Amino acid sequence: MTVTAMPPATEQAAPPKSRKKLVVIVVAVLALGAGGWWFMKPAPAGPPKPGEVVKLEPVQINLAAEHYLRIGIALQLVQGATEADGSKALDATIGVFSGLPMAEVNDPKHRVALKKELEKQLSELYEKDVMGVYFTEYVTQ
């Protein structure tokens, strides 16, 4: 009579785990994490609040046909903005107004459009620390 030895119970092979179950668990964890992130992210702060107004010295800008514009500006900074260096603002102002005909610079509709263009450029130059521009002096000759 032949006796065969049975392997001990601890050495028996474990049943294969289902890969499908693992994928479902990973997807569920990722979905819960994404949902938590979505609901826990901070709410938008809203529009910026006005801070300090920085007045710059007036400059003279050459217009077309030997005319000139003497313009002074003030920068409306957002609350919490650091002090703004005026050189970028004056350079942008010169760029926007240089060489324009005096009739265009004196026309109220064009002046509003030029001011909006200047505000857009300054917002980009100062990384949104400037929220507005005021003309403090505006003289054409």
Protein backbone atom coordinates (compact mmCIF):
# COMPACT_ATOMS: atom_id res chain seq x y z
CA MET A 1 0.00 0.00 0.00
CA THR A 2 1.31 3.40 -0.96
CA VAL A 3 0.76 6.34 1.22
CA THR A 4 0.96 9.80 -0.32
CA ALA A 5 1.62 12.71 1.90
CA MET A 6 -0.64 15.70 1.70
CA PRO A 7 0.92 19.13 1.77
CA PRO A 8 0.38 21.03 4.98
CA ALA A 9 -2.55 23.45 5.01
CA THR A 10 -0.29 26.48 5.18
CA GLU A 11 1.36 25.69 1.88
CA GLN A 12 -1.83 25.55 -0.16
CA ALA A 13 -2.04 28.04 -3.00
CA ALA A 14 -4.20 31.11 -2.34
CA PRO A 15 -7.16 31.58 -4.66
CA PRO A 16 -6.41 34.03 -7.51
CA LYS A 17 -7.61 37.59 -6.81
CA SER A 18 -9.93 39.18 -9.24
CA ARG A 19 -8.33 41.93 -11.31
CA LYS A 20 -11.70 43.40 -12.07
CA LYS A 21 -12.33 43.98 -8.37
CA LEU A 22 -9.01 45.80 -8.02
CA VAL A 23 -9.78 48.11 -10.98
CA VAL A 24 -13.20 48.96 -9.52
CA ILE A 25 -11.64 49.85 -6.17
CA VAL A 26 -8.96 52.06 -7.77
CA VAL A 27 -11.57 53.88 -9.89
CA ALA A 28 -13.79 54.42 -6.86
CA VAL A 29 -10.91 55.85 -4.81
CA LEU A 30 -9.94 58.20 -7.64
CA ALA A 31 -13.53 59.35 -8.10
CA LEU A 32 -13.92 60.06 -4.38
CA GLY A 33 -10.63 61.98 -4.35
CA ALA A 34 -11.63 64.10 -7.34
CA GLY A 35 -15.05 64.79 -5.83
CA GLY A 36 -13.48 65.84 -2.55
CA TRP A 37 -11.06 68.14 -4.33
CA TRP A 38 -13.91 69.72 -6.32
CA PHE A 39 -15.98 70.50 -3.24
CA MET A 40 -13.07 71.52 -1.01
CA LYS A 41 -11.39 74.01 -3.38
CA PRO A 42 -11.62 77.63 -2.23
CA ALA A 43 -14.36 79.80 -3.64
CA PRO A 44 -13.29 82.63 -5.98
CA ALA A 45 -12.36 85.76 -4.07
CA GLY A 46 -14.54 87.99 -6.23
CA PRO A 47 -13.51 91.19 -7.96
CA PRO A 48 -10.40 92.95 -6.67
CA LYS A 49 -10.90 95.79 -4.22
CA PRO A 50 -9.32 99.20 -4.84
CA GLY A 51 -6.18 100.01 -2.91
CA GLU A 52 -3.71 102.87 -3.08
CA VAL A 53 -3.68 105.43 -5.94
CA VAL A 54 -0.18 106.24 -7.23
CA LYS A 55 0.11 109.58 -9.05
CA LEU A 56 2.88 109.83 -11.66
CA GLU A 57 4.58 112.93 -12.99
CA PRO A 58 3.12 114.23 -16.30
CA VAL A 59 4.97 113.55 -19.56
CA GLN A 60 4.87 115.18 -22.98
CA ILE A 61 4.13 112.91 -25.92
CA ASN A 62 4.67 113.79 -29.58
CA LEU A 63 1.53 113.54 -31.66
CA ALA A 64 1.17 113.72 -35.44
CA ALA A 65 1.73 116.97 -37.37
CA GLU A 66 4.07 118.52 -34.77
CA HIS A 67 1.45 118.54 -32.00
CA TYR A 68 1.99 117.23 -28.53
CA LEU A 69 0.04 115.91 -25.58
CA ARG A 70 0.97 116.60 -21.98
CA ILE A 71 -0.56 113.80 -19.95
CA GLY A 72 -0.48 112.95 -16.28
CA ILE A 73 -1.77 109.64 -15.00
CA ALA A 74 -2.50 107.99 -11.68
CA LEU A 75 -2.60 104.23 -11.18
CA GLN A 76 -5.40 102.63 -9.17
CA LEU A 77 -3.75 99.65 -7.49
CA VAL A 78 -5.64 96.65 -6.15
CA GLN A 79 -5.80 96.20 -2.40
CA GLY A 80 -2.64 94.57 -1.10
CA ALA A 81 -0.56 95.46 -4.18
CA THR A 82 2.98 96.56 -3.60
CA GLU A 83 4.13 100.00 -4.68
CA ALA A 84 4.15 100.25 -8.49
CA ASP A 85 7.19 101.47 -10.39
CA GLY A 86 5.87 104.18 -12.72
CA SER A 87 8.39 103.63 -15.51
CA LYS A 88 6.39 100.79 -17.09
CA ALA A 89 3.19 102.86 -16.95
CA LEU A 90 4.78 105.91 -18.53
CA ASP A 91 6.37 103.79 -21.25
CA ALA A 92 3.00 102.18 -22.05
CA THR A 93 1.30 105.60 -22.09
CA ILE A 94 3.84 106.90 -24.58
CA GLY A 95 3.34 103.80 -26.71
CA VAL A 96 -0.45 104.16 -26.79
CA PHE A 97 -0.59 107.90 -27.56
CA SER A 98 2.53 108.58 -29.67
CA GLY A 99 1.99 109.67 -33.24
CA LEU A 100 -1.79 109.92 -33.05
CA PRO A 101 -3.58 112.83 -34.74
CA MET A 102 -4.65 115.57 -32.35
CA ALA A 103 -8.28 115.24 -33.49
CA GLU A 104 -8.32 111.60 -32.33
CA VAL A 105 -6.70 112.36 -28.98
CA ASN A 106 -9.20 115.19 -28.31
CA ASP A 107 -12.29 113.18 -29.33
CA PRO A 108 -14.03 111.94 -26.15
CA LYS A 109 -14.97 108.57 -27.71
CA HIS A 110 -11.41 107.91 -28.85
CA ARG A 111 -10.04 109.05 -25.49
CA VAL A 112 -12.19 106.44 -23.70
CA ALA A 113 -10.96 103.74 -26.10
CA LEU A 114 -7.34 104.83 -25.61
CA LYS A 115 -7.78 104.78 -21.83
CA LYS A 116 -9.21 101.24 -21.97
CA GLU A 117 -6.27 100.12 -24.11
CA LEU A 118 -3.84 101.67 -21.63
CA GLU A 119 -5.62 99.99 -18.68
CA LYS A 120 -5.43 96.62 -20.45
CA GLN A 121 -1.70 96.99 -21.08
CA LEU A 122 -1.02 98.13 -17.52
CA SER A 123 -2.99 95.24 -16.05
CA GLU A 124 -0.73 92.85 -17.97
CA LEU A 125 2.50 94.75 -17.24
CA TYR A 126 1.81 94.92 -13.51
CA GLU A 127 0.37 91.38 -13.33
CA LYS A 128 -3.12 92.59 -12.42
CA ASP A 129 -1.89 94.85 -9.59
CA VAL A 130 -3.26 97.86 -11.53
CA MET A 131 -7.03 97.93 -11.90
CA GLY A 132 -7.53 101.41 -13.33
CA VAL A 133 -5.98 104.57 -14.72
CA TYR A 134 -6.96 108.17 -14.06
CA PHE A 135 -5.94 111.09 -16.24
CA THR A 136 -4.73 113.83 -13.89
CA GLU A 137 -3.57 116.16 -16.65
CA TYR A 138 -4.50 116.17 -20.34
CA VAL A 139 -3.38 119.12 -22.49
CA THR A 140 -2.89 119.16 -26.26
CA GLN A 141 -1.01 121.76 -28.30
